[in-house]
Protein backbone atom coordinates (compact mmCIF):
# COMPACT_ATOMS: atom_id res chain seq x y z
CA MET A 1 -46.57 -87.99 -85.22
CA THR A 2 -43.82 -87.77 -83.29
CA VAL A 3 -40.14 -86.37 -83.83
CA ALA A 4 -37.43 -89.07 -82.91
CA THR A 5 -35.84 -87.59 -79.79
CA GLU A 6 -32.06 -88.71 -80.47
CA THR A 7 -32.50 -87.20 -84.25
CA VAL A 8 -34.32 -83.67 -84.06
CA VAL A 9 -32.28 -80.34 -84.28
CA ILE A 10 -34.15 -77.23 -83.38
CA THR A 11 -32.52 -74.21 -85.15
CA ALA A 12 -33.55 -70.89 -83.51
CA ILE A 13 -32.94 -67.60 -85.53
CA LEU A 14 -32.79 -65.40 -82.85
CA GLY A 15 -33.31 -62.22 -84.14
CA HIS A 16 -30.16 -63.13 -87.68
CA GLU A 17 -28.09 -65.71 -84.66
CA PHE A 18 -28.54 -69.19 -85.46
CA HIS A 19 -28.93 -70.82 -82.29
CA TYR A 20 -29.41 -75.25 -81.93
CA ALA A 21 -30.76 -77.82 -79.52
CA ARG A 22 -30.37 -81.50 -79.61
CA THR A 23 -30.78 -82.61 -75.64
CA PRO A 24 -34.23 -81.87 -74.08
CA GLU A 25 -31.93 -79.27 -71.72
CA GLU A 26 -30.96 -77.09 -74.53
CA THR A 27 -34.33 -76.82 -75.60
CA SER A 28 -35.47 -75.36 -72.77
CA HIS A 29 -32.97 -73.38 -72.59
CA LEU A 30 -33.97 -72.38 -76.37
CA VAL A 31 -37.41 -72.71 -75.66
CA GLU A 32 -36.99 -69.78 -73.06
CA ALA A 33 -34.02 -68.12 -75.08
CA VAL A 34 -36.69 -67.93 -77.99
CA LEU A 35 -39.08 -65.95 -75.89
CA ASP A 36 -36.68 -63.19 -74.74
CA THR A 37 -36.14 -62.44 -78.38
CA ARG A 38 -38.70 -60.27 -80.08
CA TYR A 39 -38.51 -61.91 -83.56
CA SER A 40 -37.27 -65.69 -83.96
CA GLN A 41 -38.01 -68.68 -86.17
CA LEU A 42 -37.92 -71.96 -85.55
CA TYR A 43 -37.50 -75.05 -87.47
CA VAL A 44 -38.07 -78.99 -86.15
CA TRP A 45 -34.87 -80.87 -88.55
CA ASP A 46 -32.67 -84.30 -88.67
CA ARG A 47 -29.94 -81.65 -89.04
CA PRO A 48 -29.26 -77.95 -88.04
CA CYS A 49 -30.58 -75.50 -90.54
CA LEU A 50 -27.76 -73.80 -92.55
CA SER A 51 -27.59 -69.90 -93.73
CA PHE A 52 -26.01 -68.27 -96.30
CA ASP A 53 -23.03 -67.80 -94.60
CA HIS A 54 -22.26 -71.10 -93.51
CA ASP A 55 -20.55 -73.74 -95.98
CA GLY A 56 -23.13 -75.45 -98.04
CA GLY A 57 -25.82 -72.98 -96.82
CA PRO A 58 -28.97 -71.92 -96.83
CA GLN A 59 -30.98 -75.90 -95.52
CA PHE A 60 -33.95 -75.43 -94.57
CA PRO A 61 -36.55 -78.12 -93.98
CA GLY A 62 -38.93 -78.53 -97.11
CA GLY A 63 -42.00 -78.11 -95.07
CA HIS A 64 -42.77 -76.66 -91.45
CA ARG A 65 -41.69 -73.65 -89.90
CA MET A 66 -42.89 -71.43 -86.84
CA ARG A 67 -42.13 -67.55 -86.21
CA ILE A 68 -42.30 -66.06 -82.49
CA THR A 69 -43.08 -61.84 -82.33
CA ALA A 70 -42.47 -62.09 -77.85
CA GLU A 71 -42.83 -59.19 -75.60
CA SER A 72 -41.73 -60.60 -72.28
CA ALA A 73 -41.23 -57.04 -71.23
CA VAL A 74 -45.33 -56.83 -71.59
CA GLY A 75 -46.12 -60.68 -70.94
CA TRP A 76 -47.31 -61.03 -74.69
CA ALA A 77 -46.49 -63.19 -77.74
CA ALA A 78 -47.90 -63.91 -80.60
CA LEU A 79 -47.18 -67.41 -83.44
CA ASN A 80 -47.54 -67.75 -86.98
CA TYR A 81 -47.48 -71.69 -87.82
CA MET A 82 -46.30 -72.50 -91.88
CA HIS A 83 -46.46 -76.28 -93.37
CA PRO A 84 -47.45 -76.17 -97.00
CA GLY A 85 -48.65 -79.98 -96.60
CA ALA A 86 -51.11 -79.43 -93.75
CA PRO A 87 -54.29 -80.22 -95.19
CA ASP A 88 -56.02 -78.08 -92.21
CA GLY A 89 -54.26 -74.64 -92.56
CA ALA A 90 -50.74 -74.42 -94.70
CA LEU A 91 -50.56 -71.01 -92.48
CA VAL A 92 -51.79 -69.84 -89.17
CA ASP A 93 -51.46 -67.97 -86.50
CA SER A 94 -52.03 -68.61 -82.69
CA TYR A 95 -55.69 -67.54 -81.43
CA ASN A 96 -56.61 -65.67 -77.74
CA PRO A 97 -60.44 -66.60 -77.84
CA ALA A 98 -59.90 -64.29 -74.44
CA ALA A 99 -58.72 -61.52 -76.22
CA THR A 100 -60.35 -58.28 -75.64
CA GLU A 101 -59.81 -54.54 -76.70
CA ASP A 102 -56.68 -54.18 -73.89
CA THR A 103 -54.95 -56.88 -75.94
CA PRO A 104 -52.55 -55.44 -78.05
CA PRO A 105 -51.16 -56.48 -81.52
CA LEU A 106 -47.36 -57.19 -82.10
CA PRO A 107 -45.82 -56.74 -84.73
CA PHE A 108 -45.29 -59.85 -87.68
CA ASP A 109 -41.99 -58.55 -89.19
CA PRO A 110 -39.18 -56.50 -88.23
CA GLU A 111 -38.06 -54.91 -91.13
CA GLY A 112 -42.11 -53.83 -92.82
CA ASP A 113 -44.84 -53.10 -91.67
CA LEU A 114 -47.11 -55.99 -91.12
CA TRP A 115 -48.87 -56.94 -88.23
CA PHE A 116 -50.80 -59.97 -85.94
CA PRO A 117 -54.02 -59.26 -85.25
CA ALA A 118 -54.47 -58.83 -81.49
CA THR A 119 -56.00 -61.39 -81.45
CA ALA A 120 -53.14 -63.65 -82.15
CA SER A 121 -51.64 -62.13 -78.77
CA LEU A 122 -50.99 -65.16 -76.48
CA PRO A 123 -49.76 -64.58 -72.54
CA LEU A 124 -46.54 -65.84 -72.42
CA ASP A 125 -47.36 -69.35 -70.75
CA GLN A 126 -49.37 -70.25 -73.18
CA ALA A 127 -46.61 -69.81 -76.16
CA HIS A 128 -43.92 -71.13 -73.94
CA GLN A 129 -46.21 -74.67 -73.88
CA ALA A 130 -46.62 -74.38 -77.42
CA ILE A 131 -42.94 -73.70 -78.48
CA THR A 132 -42.34 -76.39 -76.49
CA GLU A 133 -44.56 -78.36 -77.81
CA TYR A 134 -43.65 -77.45 -81.22
CA CYS A 135 -40.09 -78.45 -80.23
CA HIS A 136 -40.94 -82.09 -79.22
CA THR A 137 -42.94 -83.33 -82.19
CA GLY A 138 -42.47 -80.98 -85.09
CA GLN A 139 -45.91 -80.61 -85.84
CA ARG A 140 -48.31 -77.80 -85.19
CA PRO A 141 -49.05 -77.50 -81.97
CA THR A 142 -51.93 -78.32 -80.45
CA ARG A 143 -51.68 -76.81 -76.39
CA VAL A 144 -53.58 -73.52 -78.36
CA GLU A 145 -56.08 -72.36 -80.76
CA TRP A 146 -55.33 -71.44 -84.09
CA GLN A 147 -56.74 -69.07 -87.48
CA PRO A 148 -56.02 -68.51 -90.64
CA GLY A 149 -52.46 -66.46 -91.14
CA GLN A 150 -51.71 -63.79 -93.30
CA TRP A 151 -48.14 -63.72 -93.84
CA TYR A 152 -45.41 -66.03 -94.30
């Protein structure tokens, strides 16, 4: 299912700051900001997500979320997609079938010792395509392969 562009708000949590995109141009800039930020989360919804700091917050969609760890200086990113109702996996990590022993594992959680497997690390251009697709559809991207995830 494709999300109608005129009613979609992309919320990116970059570190601990909320950023929003409503237009294709804003979305493009937001995807670049995600890949320039070590830890981020993305939500596609019909309104902005709100943190505990906002009046009426917190507010998040009840279903899907994408978490991203990006190491732009070395050219890698790892993705985690969660959707509790998904028939093909409620929790999945990106999968790089071409990963080698030189492919770095990336940290999943900045506050804990949780790591993506090295097979979740994707070249930045592949991660960019998948993140862009998620922003346009609100669904698990089909431009990359997936493997079972370990962490929410």
